[in-house]
PDB file of N, CA and C in Angstrom:
ATOM      1  N   MET A   1      -0.328 -19.222  20.248  1.00  0.00           N
ATOM      2  CA  MET A   1      -0.156 -20.634  20.492  1.00  0.00           C
ATOM      3  C   MET A   1       0.357 -21.298  19.213  1.00  0.00           C
ATOM      4  N   GLU A   2       1.313 -22.184  19.375  1.00  0.00           N
ATOM      5  CA  GLU A   2       1.904 -22.910  18.264  1.00  0.00           C
ATOM      6  C   GLU A   2       0.900 -23.882  17.660  1.00  0.00           C
ATOM      7  N   CYS A   3       0.922 -23.982  16.343  1.00  0.00           N
ATOM      8  CA  CYS A   3       0.024 -24.883  15.623  1.00  0.00           C
ATOM      9  C   CYS A   3       0.877 -25.982  14.995  1.00  0.00           C
ATOM     10  N   VAL A   4       0.633 -27.241  15.352  1.00  0.00           N
ATOM     11  CA  VAL A   4       1.410 -28.366  14.840  1.00  0.00           C
ATOM     12  C   VAL A   4       0.490 -29.303  14.081  1.00  0.00           C
ATOM     13  N   GLU A   5       0.893 -29.677  12.877  1.00  0.00           N
ATOM     14  CA  GLU A   5       0.132 -30.590  12.032  1.00  0.00           C
ATOM     15  C   GLU A   5       1.104 -31.570  11.391  1.00  0.00           C
ATOM     16  N   ILE A   6       0.593 -32.657  10.848  1.00  0.00           N
ATOM     17  CA  ILE A   6       1.397 -33.635  10.115  1.00  0.00           C
ATOM     18  C   ILE A   6       0.948 -33.608   8.658  1.00  0.00           C
ATOM     19  N   THR A   7       1.922 -33.660   7.752  1.00  0.00           N
ATOM     20  CA  THR A   7       1.633 -33.682   6.324  1.00  0.00           C
ATOM     21  C   THR A   7       2.584 -34.661   5.667  1.00  0.00           C
ATOM     22  N   SER A   8       2.401 -34.934   4.391  1.00  0.00           N
ATOM     23  CA  SER A   8       3.304 -35.850   3.689  1.00  0.00           C
ATOM     24  C   SER A   8       3.631 -35.282   2.317  1.00  0.00           C
ATOM     25  N   MET A   9       4.673 -35.851   1.723  1.00  0.00           N
ATOM     26  CA  MET A   9       5.120 -35.387   0.423  1.00  0.00           C
ATOM     27  C   MET A   9       4.585 -36.318  -0.665  1.00  0.00           C
ATOM     28  N   SER A  10       4.119 -35.736  -1.776  1.00  0.00           N
ATOM     29  CA  SER A  10       3.607 -36.523  -2.896  1.00  0.00           C
ATOM     30  C   SER A  10       4.767 -37.068  -3.727  1.00  0.00           C
ATOM     31  N   SER A  11       4.456 -37.918  -4.693  1.00  0.00           N
ATOM     32  CA  SER A  11       5.479 -38.478  -5.580  1.00  0.00           C
ATOM     33  C   SER A  11       6.137 -37.391  -6.428  1.00  0.00           C
ATOM     34  N   ARG A  12       5.477 -36.251  -6.561  1.00  0.00           N
ATOM     35  CA  ARG A  12       6.025 -35.120  -7.321  1.00  0.00           C
ATOM     36  C   ARG A  12       6.779 -34.132  -6.430  1.00  0.00           C
ATOM     37  N   GLY A  13       6.953 -34.454  -5.155  1.00  0.00           N
ATOM     38  CA  GLY A  13       7.699 -33.593  -4.242  1.00  0.00           C
ATOM     39  C   GLY A  13       6.878 -32.472  -3.648  1.00  0.00           C
ATOM     40  N   GLN A  14       5.565 -32.531  -3.794  1.00  0.00           N
ATOM     41  CA  GLN A  14       4.704 -31.479  -3.265  1.00  0.00           C
ATOM     42  C   GLN A  14       4.320 -31.782  -1.823  1.00  0.00           C
ATOM     43  N   ILE A  15       4.320 -30.754  -1.008  1.00  0.00           N
ATOM     44  CA  ILE A  15       3.919 -30.864   0.393  1.00  0.00           C
ATOM     45  C   ILE A  15       2.775 -29.892   0.633  1.00  0.00           C
ATOM     46  N   VAL A  16       1.697 -30.382   1.216  1.00  0.00           N
ATOM     47  CA  VAL A  16       0.539 -29.539   1.507  1.00  0.00           C
ATOM     48  C   VAL A  16       0.728 -28.887   2.876  1.00  0.00           C
ATOM     49  N   ILE A  17       0.533 -27.578   2.909  1.00  0.00           N
ATOM     50  CA  ILE A  17       0.517 -26.881   4.201  1.00  0.00           C
ATOM     51  C   ILE A  17      -0.904 -27.055   4.726  1.00  0.00           C
ATOM     52  N   PRO A  18      -1.066 -27.705   5.871  1.00  0.00           N
ATOM     53  CA  PRO A  18      -2.414 -27.981   6.372  1.00  0.00           C
ATOM     54  C   PRO A  18      -3.277 -26.721   6.487  1.00  0.00           C
ATOM     55  N   GLN A  19      -4.570 -26.909   6.237  1.00  0.00           N
ATOM     56  CA  GLN A  19      -5.518 -25.793   6.197  1.00  0.00           C
ATOM     57  C   GLN A  19      -5.487 -24.960   7.463  1.00  0.00           C
ATOM     58  N   ARG A  20      -5.448 -25.593   8.612  1.00  0.00           N
ATOM     59  CA  ARG A  20      -5.464 -24.855   9.882  1.00  0.00           C
ATOM     60  C   ARG A  20      -4.287 -23.884   9.969  1.00  0.00           C
ATOM     61  N   ILE A  21      -3.116 -24.339   9.510  1.00  0.00           N
ATOM     62  CA  ILE A  21      -1.932 -23.477   9.545  1.00  0.00           C
ATOM     63  C   ILE A  21      -2.065 -22.363   8.509  1.00  0.00           C
ATOM     64  N   ARG A  22      -2.539 -22.703   7.290  1.00  0.00           N
ATOM     65  CA  ARG A  22      -2.737 -21.667   6.265  1.00  0.00           C
ATOM     66  C   ARG A  22      -3.678 -20.581   6.753  1.00  0.00           C
ATOM     67  N   GLU A  23      -4.774 -20.992   7.389  1.00  0.00           N
ATOM     68  CA  GLU A  23      -5.750 -20.017   7.893  1.00  0.00           C
ATOM     69  C   GLU A  23      -5.160 -19.174   9.015  1.00  0.00           C
ATOM     70  N   LYS A  24      -4.452 -19.823   9.929  1.00  0.00           N
ATOM     71  CA  LYS A  24      -3.869 -19.092  11.068  1.00  0.00           C
ATOM     72  C   LYS A  24      -2.862 -18.045  10.588  1.00  0.00           C
ATOM     73  N   LEU A  25      -2.066 -18.401   9.559  1.00  0.00           N
ATOM     74  CA  LEU A  25      -1.033 -17.486   9.073  1.00  0.00           C
ATOM     75  C   LEU A  25      -1.507 -16.601   7.929  1.00  0.00           C
ATOM     76  N   GLY A  26      -2.729 -16.815   7.473  1.00  0.00           N
ATOM     77  CA  GLY A  26      -3.288 -15.970   6.421  1.00  0.00           C
ATOM     78  C   GLY A  26      -2.706 -16.237   5.042  1.00  0.00           C
ATOM     79  N   PHE A  27      -2.246 -17.469   4.797  1.00  0.00           N
ATOM     80  CA  PHE A  27      -1.693 -17.820   3.496  1.00  0.00           C
ATOM     81  C   PHE A  27      -2.820 -18.083   2.514  1.00  0.00           C
ATOM     82  N   THR A  28      -2.648 -17.604   1.280  1.00  0.00           N
ATOM     83  CA  THR A  28      -3.640 -17.829   0.235  1.00  0.00           C
ATOM     84  C   THR A  28      -2.957 -18.429  -0.993  1.00  0.00           C
ATOM     85  N   GLU A  29      -3.766 -18.932  -1.907  1.00  0.00           N
ATOM     86  CA  GLU A  29      -3.245 -19.543  -3.126  1.00  0.00           C
ATOM     87  C   GLU A  29      -2.353 -18.563  -3.876  1.00  0.00           C
ATOM     88  N   GLY A  30      -1.229 -19.056  -4.377  1.00  0.00           N
ATOM     89  CA  GLY A  30      -0.314 -18.238  -5.153  1.00  0.00           C
ATOM     90  C   GLY A  30       0.771 -17.543  -4.354  1.00  0.00           C
ATOM     91  N   GLU A  31       0.734 -17.682  -3.021  1.00  0.00           N
ATOM     92  CA  GLU A  31       1.779 -17.069  -2.185  1.00  0.00           C
ATOM     93  C   GLU A  31       3.135 -17.619  -2.600  1.00  0.00           C
ATOM     94  N   LYS A  32       4.179 -16.823  -2.471  1.00  0.00           N
ATOM     95  CA  LYS A  32       5.544 -17.239  -2.789  1.00  0.00           C
ATOM     96  C   LYS A  32       6.329 -17.406  -1.491  1.00  0.00           C
ATOM     97  N   PHE A  33       7.210 -18.422  -1.473  1.00  0.00           N
ATOM     98  CA  PHE A  33       7.994 -18.726  -0.292  1.00  0.00           C
ATOM     99  C   PHE A  33       9.459 -18.941  -0.665  1.00  0.00           C
ATOM    100  N   ILE A  34      10.337 -18.612   0.264  1.00  0.00           N
ATOM    101  CA  ILE A  34      11.733 -18.996   0.196  1.00  0.00           C
ATOM    102  C   ILE A  34      11.810 -20.323   0.938  1.00  0.00           C
ATOM    103  N   VAL A  35      12.541 -21.286   0.381  1.00  0.00           N
ATOM    104  CA  VAL A  35      12.669 -22.598   1.010  1.00  0.00           C
ATOM    105  C   VAL A  35      14.130 -22.806   1.388  1.00  0.00           C
ATOM    106  N   LEU A  36      14.366 -23.031   2.682  1.00  0.00           N
ATOM    107  CA  LEU A  36      15.710 -23.299   3.187  1.00  0.00           C
ATOM    108  C   LEU A  36      15.737 -24.720   3.720  1.00  0.00           C
ATOM    109  N   GLY A  37      16.790 -25.454   3.439  1.00  0.00           N
ATOM    110  CA  GLY A  37      16.874 -26.816   3.927  1.00  0.00           C
ATOM    111  C   GLY A  37      18.270 -27.178   4.371  1.00  0.00           C
ATOM    112  N   GLU A  38      18.364 -27.845   5.529  1.00  0.00           N
ATOM    113  CA  GLU A  38      19.653 -28.294   6.034  1.00  0.00           C
ATOM    114  C   GLU A  38      19.435 -29.315   7.143  1.00  0.00           C
ATOM    115  N   ASN A  39      20.214 -30.381   7.114  1.00  0.00           N
ATOM    116  CA  ASN A  39      20.201 -31.403   8.165  1.00  0.00           C
ATOM    117  C   ASN A  39      18.801 -31.927   8.481  1.00  0.00           C
ATOM    118  N   GLY A  40      18.037 -32.256   7.453  1.00  0.00           N
ATOM    119  CA  GLY A  40      16.713 -32.827   7.651  1.00  0.00           C
ATOM    120  C   GLY A  40      15.644 -31.833   8.065  1.00  0.00           C
ATOM    121  N   THR A  41      15.952 -30.546   8.021  1.00  0.00           N
ATOM    122  CA  THR A  41      14.990 -29.515   8.412  1.00  0.00           C
ATOM    123  C   THR A  41      14.694 -28.626   7.211  1.00  0.00           C
ATOM    124  N   ILE A  42      13.417 -28.334   6.995  1.00  0.00           N
ATOM    125  CA  ILE A  42      12.998 -27.419   5.931  1.00  0.00           C
ATOM    126  C   ILE A  42      12.298 -26.239   6.583  1.00  0.00           C
ATOM    127  N   ILE A  43      12.654 -25.047   6.140  1.00  0.00           N
ATOM    128  CA  ILE A  43      12.017 -23.834   6.642  1.00  0.00           C
ATOM    129  C   ILE A  43      11.407 -23.107   5.454  1.00  0.00           C
ATOM    130  N   LEU A  44      10.134 -22.744   5.569  1.00  0.00           N
ATOM    131  CA  LEU A  44       9.458 -21.942   4.555  1.00  0.00           C
ATOM    132  C   LEU A  44       9.293 -20.533   5.113  1.00  0.00           C
ATOM    133  N   LYS A  45       9.658 -19.533   4.328  1.00  0.00           N
ATOM    134  CA  LYS A  45       9.478 -18.139   4.733  1.00  0.00           C
ATOM    135  C   LYS A  45       8.700 -17.441   3.637  1.00  0.00           C
ATOM    136  N   LYS A  46       7.530 -16.921   3.986  1.00  0.00           N
ATOM    137  CA  LYS A  46       6.702 -16.217   3.016  1.00  0.00           C
ATOM    138  C   LYS A  46       7.442 -14.980   2.530  1.00  0.00           C
ATOM    139  N   ILE A  47       7.422 -14.773   1.219  1.00  0.00           N
ATOM    140  CA  ILE A  47       8.034 -13.585   0.635  1.00  0.00           C
ATOM    141  C   ILE A  47       6.990 -12.482   0.668  1.00  0.00           C
ATOM    142  N   GLU A  48       7.305 -11.441   1.378  1.00  0.00           N
ATOM    143  CA  GLU A  48       6.385 -10.307   1.494  1.00  0.00           C
ATOM    144  C   GLU A  48       6.626  -9.349   0.339  1.00  0.00           C
ATOM    145  N   LYS A  49       5.622  -9.112  -0.457  1.00  0.00           N
ATOM    146  CA  LYS A  49       5.719  -8.151  -1.547  1.00  0.00           C
ATOM    147  C   LYS A  49       5.414  -6.771  -0.968  1.00  0.00           C
ATOM    148  N   PRO A  50       6.343  -5.830  -1.118  1.00  0.00           N
ATOM    149  CA  PRO A  50       6.093  -4.500  -0.535  1.00  0.00           C
ATOM    150  C   PRO A  50       4.942  -3.793  -1.257  1.00  0.00           C
ATOM    151  N   SER A  51       4.262  -2.954  -0.515  1.00  0.00           N
ATOM    152  CA  SER A  51       3.203  -2.149  -1.128  1.00  0.00           C
ATOM    153  C   SER A  51       3.849  -1.119  -2.050  1.00  0.00           C
ATOM    154  N   LYS A  52       3.047  -0.516  -2.902  1.00  0.00           N
ATOM    155  CA  LYS A  52       3.548   0.511  -3.815  1.00  0.00           C
ATOM    156  C   LYS A  52       4.185   1.648  -3.025  1.00  0.00           C
ATOM    157  N   GLU A  53       3.543   2.033  -1.934  1.00  0.00           N
ATOM    158  CA  GLU A  53       4.046   3.140  -1.104  1.00  0.00           C
ATOM    159  C   GLU A  53       5.389   2.778  -0.478  1.00  0.00           C
ATOM    160  N   GLU A  54       5.500   1.524   0.017  1.00  0.00           N
ATOM    161  CA  GLU A  54       6.751   1.085   0.643  1.00  0.00           C
ATOM    162  C   GLU A  54       7.866   1.008  -0.391  1.00  0.00           C
ATOM    163  N   LEU A  55       7.546   0.528  -1.583  1.00  0.00           N
ATOM    164  CA  LEU A  55       8.541   0.436  -2.643  1.00  0.00           C
ATOM    165  C   LEU A  55       9.036   1.830  -3.040  1.00  0.00           C
ATOM    166  N   ILE A  56       8.125   2.779  -3.162  1.00  0.00           N
ATOM    167  CA  ILE A  56       8.505   4.159  -3.489  1.00  0.00           C
ATOM    168  C   ILE A  56       9.390   4.731  -2.389  1.00  0.00           C
ATOM    169  N   LYS A  57       9.046   4.459  -1.148  1.00  0.00           N
ATOM    170  CA  LYS A  57       9.839   4.932  -0.005  1.00  0.00           C
ATOM    171  C   LYS A  57      11.262   4.353  -0.063  1.00  0.00           C
ATOM    172  N   GLN A  58      11.373   3.051  -0.356  1.00  0.00           N
ATOM    173  CA  GLN A  58      12.688   2.410  -0.446  1.00  0.00           C
ATOM    174  C   GLN A  58      13.505   2.977  -1.604  1.00  0.00           C
ATOM    175  N   LEU A  59      12.855   3.196  -2.750  1.00  0.00           N
ATOM    176  CA  LEU A  59      13.557   3.759  -3.905  1.00  0.00           C
ATOM    177  C   LEU A  59      14.006   5.194  -3.637  1.00  0.00           C
ATOM    178  N   ASP A  60      13.160   5.978  -2.966  1.00  0.00           N
ATOM    179  CA  ASP A  60      13.542   7.351  -2.605  1.00  0.00           C
ATOM    180  C   ASP A  60      14.760   7.346  -1.685  1.00  0.00           C
ATOM    181  N   ALA A  61      14.775   6.427  -0.714  1.00  0.00           N
ATOM    182  CA  ALA A  61      15.901   6.334   0.223  1.00  0.00           C
ATOM    183  C   ALA A  61      17.179   5.946  -0.526  1.00  0.00           C
ATOM    184  N   LEU A  62      17.071   5.014  -1.463  1.00  0.00           N
ATOM    185  CA  LEU A  62      18.224   4.595  -2.257  1.00  0.00           C
ATOM    186  C   LEU A  62      18.728   5.746  -3.123  1.00  0.00           C
ATOM    187  N   ALA A  63      17.814   6.487  -3.743  1.00  0.00           N
ATOM    188  CA  ALA A  63      18.193   7.628  -4.572  1.00  0.00           C
ATOM    189  C   ALA A  63      18.908   8.692  -3.736  1.00  0.00           C
ATOM    190  N   GLU A  64      18.408   8.950  -2.540  1.00  0.00           N
ATOM    191  CA  GLU A  64      19.033   9.948  -1.657  1.00  0.00           C
ATOM    192  C   GLU A  64      20.436   9.510  -1.242  1.00  0.00           C
ATOM    193  N   LYS A  65      20.573   8.237  -0.896  1.00  0.00           N
ATOM    194  CA  LYS A  65      21.884   7.698  -0.506  1.00  0.00           C
ATOM    195  C   LYS A  65      22.865   7.805  -1.673  1.00  0.00           C
ATOM    196  N   THR A  66      22.382   7.482  -2.865  1.00  0.00           N
ATOM    197  CA  THR A  66      23.223   7.567  -4.062  1.00  0.00           C
ATOM    198  C   THR A  66      23.614   9.006  -4.347  1.00  0.00           C
ATOM    199  N   ARG A  67      22.654   9.938  -4.223  1.00  0.00           N
ATOM    200  CA  ARG A  67      22.938  11.351  -4.455  1.00  0.00           C
ATOM    201  C   ARG A  67      24.040  11.849  -3.515  1.00  0.00           C
ATOM    202  N   LYS A  68      23.949  11.477  -2.238  1.00  0.00           N
ATOM    203  CA  LYS A  68      24.957  11.896  -1.255  1.00  0.00           C
ATOM    204  C   LYS A  68      26.329  11.311  -1.583  1.00  0.00           C
ATOM    205  N   LYS A  69      26.360  10.056  -2.012  1.00  0.00           N
ATOM    206  CA  LYS A  69      27.630   9.408  -2.362  1.00  0.00           C
ATOM    207  C   LYS A  69      28.264  10.101  -3.564  1.00  0.00           C
ATOM    208  N   VAL A  70      27.451  10.402  -4.573  1.00  0.00           N
ATOM    209  CA  VAL A  70      27.934  11.080  -5.776  1.00  0.00           C
ATOM    210  C   VAL A  70      28.479  12.464  -5.421  1.00  0.00           C
ATOM    211  N   GLU A  71      27.763  13.189  -4.575  1.00  0.00           N
ATOM    212  CA  GLU A  71      28.229  14.514  -4.152  1.00  0.00           C
ATOM    213  C   GLU A  71      29.550  14.405  -3.396  1.00  0.00           C
ATOM    214  N   ALA A  72      29.650  13.403  -2.504  1.00  0.00           N
ATOM    215  CA  ALA A  72      30.878  13.218  -1.720  1.00  0.00           C
ATOM    216  C   ALA A  72      32.071  12.893  -2.623  1.00  0.00           C
ATOM    217  N   LEU A  73      31.811  12.181  -3.708  1.00  0.00           N
ATOM    218  CA  LEU A  73      32.882  11.835  -4.641  1.00  0.00           C
ATOM    219  C   LEU A  73      33.174  12.957  -5.637  1.00  0.00           C
ATOM    220  N   GLY A  74      32.328  13.982  -5.652  1.00  0.00           N
ATOM    221  CA  GLY A  74      32.529  15.113  -6.547  1.00  0.00           C
ATOM    222  C   GLY A  74      32.195  14.808  -8.002  1.00  0.00           C
ATOM    223  N   ILE A  75      31.330  13.826  -8.225  1.00  0.00           N
ATOM    224  CA  ILE A  75      30.949  13.466  -9.595  1.00  0.00           C
ATOM    225  C   ILE A  75      29.840  14.403 -10.062  1.00  0.00           C
ATOM    226  N   LYS A  76      30.035  14.949 -11.290  1.00  0.00           N
ATOM    227  CA  LYS A  76      29.030  15.826 -11.878  1.00  0.00           C
ATOM    228  C   LYS A  76      28.308  15.068 -12.986  1.00  0.00           C
ATOM    229  N   GLU A  77      27.121  15.539 -13.343  1.00  0.00           N
ATOM    230  CA  GLU A  77      26.342  14.890 -14.400  1.00  0.00           C
ATOM    231  C   GLU A  77      27.141  14.831 -15.701  1.00  0.00           C
ATOM    232  N   SER A  78      27.919  15.855 -15.958  1.00  0.00           N
ATOM    233  CA  SER A  78      28.713  15.901 -17.193  1.00  0.00           C
ATOM    234  C   SER A  78      29.821  14.842 -17.211  1.00  0.00           C
ATOM    235  N   ASP A  79      30.175  14.283 -16.042  1.00  0.00           N
ATOM    236  CA  ASP A  79      31.208  13.242 -15.955  1.00  0.00           C
ATOM    237  C   ASP A  79      30.684  11.861 -16.356  1.00  0.00           C
ATOM    238  N   VAL A  80      29.381  11.669 -16.292  1.00  0.00           N
ATOM    239  CA  VAL A  80      28.791  10.339 -16.474  1.00  0.00           C
ATOM    240  C   VAL A  80      29.078   9.723 -17.839  1.00  0.00           C
ATOM    241  N   PRO A  81      28.861  10.431 -18.954  1.00  0.00           N
ATOM    242  CA  PRO A  81      29.143   9.797 -20.255  1.00  0.00           C
ATOM    243  C   PRO A  81      30.588   9.300 -20.373  1.00  0.00           C
ATOM    244  N   LYS A  82      31.552  10.101 -19.890  1.00  0.00           N
ATOM    245  CA  LYS A  82      32.965   9.691 -19.936  1.00  0.00           C
ATOM    246  C   LYS A  82      33.191   8.432 -19.097  1.00  0.00           C
ATOM    247  N   MET A  83      32.561   8.372 -17.940  1.00  0.00           N
ATOM    248  CA  MET A  83      32.713   7.210 -17.055  1.00  0.00           C
ATOM    249  C   MET A  83      32.122   5.956 -17.706  1.00  0.00           C
ATOM    250  N   VAL A  84      30.969   6.099 -18.350  1.00  0.00           N
ATOM    251  CA  VAL A  84      30.332   4.968 -19.026  1.00  0.00           C
ATOM    252  C   VAL A  84      31.222   4.465 -20.151  1.00  0.00           C
ATOM    253  N   HIS A  85      31.743   5.394 -20.970  1.00  0.00           N
ATOM    254  CA  HIS A  85      32.627   4.999 -22.067  1.00  0.00           C
ATOM    255  C   HIS A  85      33.870   4.289 -21.538  1.00  0.00           C
ATOM    256  N   LYS A  86      34.422   4.797 -20.461  1.00  0.00           N
ATOM    257  CA  LYS A  86      35.625   4.183 -19.872  1.00  0.00           C
ATOM    258  C   LYS A  86      35.316   2.757 -19.399  1.00  0.00           C
ATOM    259  N   LEU A  87      34.190   2.572 -18.721  1.00  0.00           N
ATOM    260  CA  LEU A  87      33.829   1.255 -18.230  1.00  0.00           C
ATOM    261  C   LEU A  87      33.540   0.279 -19.375  1.00  0.00           C
ATOM    262  N   ARG A  88      32.999   0.778 -20.462  1.00  0.00           N
ATOM    263  CA  ARG A  88      32.700  -0.066 -21.629  1.00  0.00           C
ATOM    264  C   ARG A  88      33.920  -0.305 -22.509  1.00  0.00           C
ATOM    265  N   GLY A  89      34.997   0.422 -22.244  1.00  0.00           N
ATOM    266  CA  GLY A  89      36.203   0.273 -23.048  1.00  0.00           C
ATOM    267  C   GLY A  89      36.129   0.982 -24.378  1.00  0.00           C
ATOM    268  N   VAL A  90      35.263   1.998 -24.457  1.00  0.00           N
ATOM    269  CA  VAL A  90      35.110   2.754 -25.700  1.00  0.00           C
ATOM    270  C   VAL A  90      36.124   3.885 -25.706  1.00  0.00           C
ATOM    271  N   LYS A  91      36.826   4.003 -26.837  1.00  0.00           N
ATOM    272  CA  LYS A  91      37.801   5.101 -26.949  1.00  0.00           C
ATOM    273  C   LYS A  91      37.097   6.359 -27.427  1.00  0.00           C
ATOM    274  N   GLU A  92      37.466   7.470 -26.853  1.00  0.00           N
ATOM    275  CA  GLU A  92      36.816   8.745 -27.200  1.00  0.00           C
ATOM    276  C   GLU A  92      37.484   9.402 -28.369  1.00  0.00           C
TER     277      GLU A  92
END
């Protein structure tokens, strides 16, 4: 069921999320939000911090994707220093 409340903005631009809504959504002090605004509408989206396990899973997936791309391009570990120097504009 939708929860509707009325709130107001302070002179410092602060808006209180009513307690009933905070409790229903499980928001606690210190939560971080993305704030989107357009045409008189403001949307708050809680930023979900991934767990350590989820972060490791995401990093492993990124590493695997990168490994496959490097293999497909035929890049060897011995090529990396030359590539870095070239990108930095360092003459060998």
